[in-house]
């Protein structure tokens, strides 16, 4: 399997405007109040942007399995322009902070 980079000559970009990415996440993220969900509001979502721009290996610091699954669903649907290093498309690890308010 190819290496996963954390630094590249060209970083991955959302296949649209970055503000659109935030709106896309906000629109599709469905994290209702859940009895086992702590009132945590700041999460770190880590993912790998693949050479084809798809997202894989989504993980987060969320304690609740429902919240982790929701991050996997929403972030897994995003598409990016892949990172490039030395003229080649590469796999790239990206971390995204997410702020939500659980009621």
Protein backbone atom coordinates (compact mmCIF):
# COMPACT_ATOMS: atom_id res chain seq x y z
CA UNK A 1 0.00 0.00 0.00
CA UNK A 2 1.17 3.55 -0.69
CA UNK A 3 2.50 5.78 2.09
CA UNK A 4 0.22 8.33 3.72
CA UNK A 5 1.75 11.81 3.66
CA UNK A 6 1.29 14.54 6.25
CA UNK A 7 3.22 17.06 4.16
CA UNK A 8 3.17 17.48 0.38
CA UNK A 9 4.12 20.05 -2.24
CA UNK A 10 0.40 20.66 -2.88
CA UNK A 11 -2.16 19.97 -0.16
CA UNK A 12 -5.57 18.47 -0.94
CA UNK A 13 -8.38 20.91 -1.66
CA UNK A 14 -12.09 20.44 -1.33
CA UNK A 15 -13.55 19.95 -4.81
CA UNK A 16 -15.43 23.22 -4.37
CA UNK A 17 -15.05 26.33 -2.23
CA UNK A 18 -13.90 25.67 1.35
CA UNK A 19 -16.93 27.50 2.75
CA UNK A 20 -19.06 25.07 0.71
CA UNK A 21 -17.34 22.18 2.48
CA UNK A 22 -18.28 23.59 5.87
CA UNK A 23 -21.88 24.10 4.71
CA UNK A 24 -21.95 20.56 3.30
CA UNK A 25 -20.80 19.13 6.62
CA UNK A 26 -23.24 21.27 8.58
CA UNK A 27 -26.14 20.38 6.28
CA UNK A 28 -25.51 16.63 6.35
CA UNK A 29 -24.29 16.07 9.90
CA UNK A 30 -27.12 14.68 12.00
CA UNK A 31 -26.09 14.36 15.63
CA UNK A 32 -29.26 14.61 17.71
CA UNK A 33 -29.30 14.35 21.45
CA UNK A 34 -28.49 10.77 22.34
CA UNK A 35 -28.68 9.34 25.89
CA UNK A 36 -25.09 8.06 25.77
CA UNK A 37 -23.68 11.18 24.07
CA UNK A 38 -21.63 13.43 26.32
CA UNK A 39 -22.19 17.18 25.88
CA UNK A 40 -18.87 17.33 24.01
CA UNK A 41 -18.85 20.07 21.42
CA UNK A 42 -15.33 19.99 19.95
CA UNK A 43 -14.15 16.99 17.95
CA UNK A 44 -11.15 16.23 15.79
CA UNK A 45 -11.94 14.21 12.69
CA UNK A 46 -8.99 12.56 10.97
CA UNK A 47 -9.21 11.17 7.44
CA UNK A 48 -7.09 10.06 4.52
CA UNK A 49 -7.58 11.79 1.18
CA UNK A 50 -6.89 9.14 -1.45
CA UNK A 51 -5.15 9.65 -4.81
CA UNK A 52 -8.56 9.75 -6.54
CA UNK A 53 -9.89 12.44 -4.17
CA UNK A 54 -12.11 10.10 -2.17
CA UNK A 55 -11.99 9.95 1.64
CA UNK A 56 -11.08 6.85 3.67
CA UNK A 57 -10.01 5.89 7.19
CA UNK A 58 -12.26 8.43 8.94
CA UNK A 59 -11.76 8.46 12.70
CA UNK A 60 -12.44 10.91 15.50
CA UNK A 61 -11.98 11.52 19.19
CA UNK A 62 -15.75 11.16 19.78
CA UNK A 63 -16.56 8.82 22.65
CA UNK A 64 -19.96 7.88 21.28
CA UNK A 65 -20.16 5.24 18.53
CA UNK A 66 -23.22 6.95 16.97
CA UNK A 67 -21.27 10.22 16.61
CA UNK A 68 -18.22 8.40 15.18
CA UNK A 69 -20.45 6.61 12.63
CA UNK A 70 -22.05 9.93 11.65
CA UNK A 71 -18.64 11.53 11.07
CA UNK A 72 -17.65 8.52 8.97
CA UNK A 73 -20.81 8.86 6.84
CA UNK A 74 -20.57 12.63 6.28
CA UNK A 75 -16.81 12.97 5.81
CA UNK A 76 -16.67 9.79 3.71
CA UNK A 77 -19.00 11.43 1.17
CA UNK A 78 -16.74 14.46 0.61
CA UNK A 79 -14.53 14.69 -2.49
CA UNK A 80 -11.19 16.47 -2.81
CA UNK A 81 -8.59 17.42 -5.37
CA UNK A 82 -5.79 15.10 -4.16
CA UNK A 83 -2.45 16.18 -2.72
CA UNK A 84 0.62 16.12 -4.94
CA UNK A 85 4.22 15.51 -4.01
CA UNK A 86 7.04 15.68 -6.56
CA UNK A 87 4.47 15.77 -9.36
CA UNK A 88 2.67 12.57 -8.22
CA UNK A 89 -0.75 12.33 -6.57
CA UNK A 90 -0.35 10.98 -3.03
CA UNK A 91 -2.48 9.78 -0.14
CA UNK A 92 -2.69 12.49 2.52
CA UNK A 93 -3.76 12.53 6.18
CA UNK A 94 -5.95 15.48 7.09
CA UNK A 95 -7.37 16.55 10.46
CA UNK A 96 -10.48 18.72 10.64
CA UNK A 97 -11.84 20.33 13.85
CA UNK A 98 -15.62 20.07 14.17
CA UNK A 99 -17.69 22.06 16.65
CA UNK A 100 -21.21 20.87 17.41
CA UNK A 101 -23.60 21.43 20.27
CA UNK A 102 -25.33 18.37 21.62
CA UNK A 103 -28.58 19.18 23.39
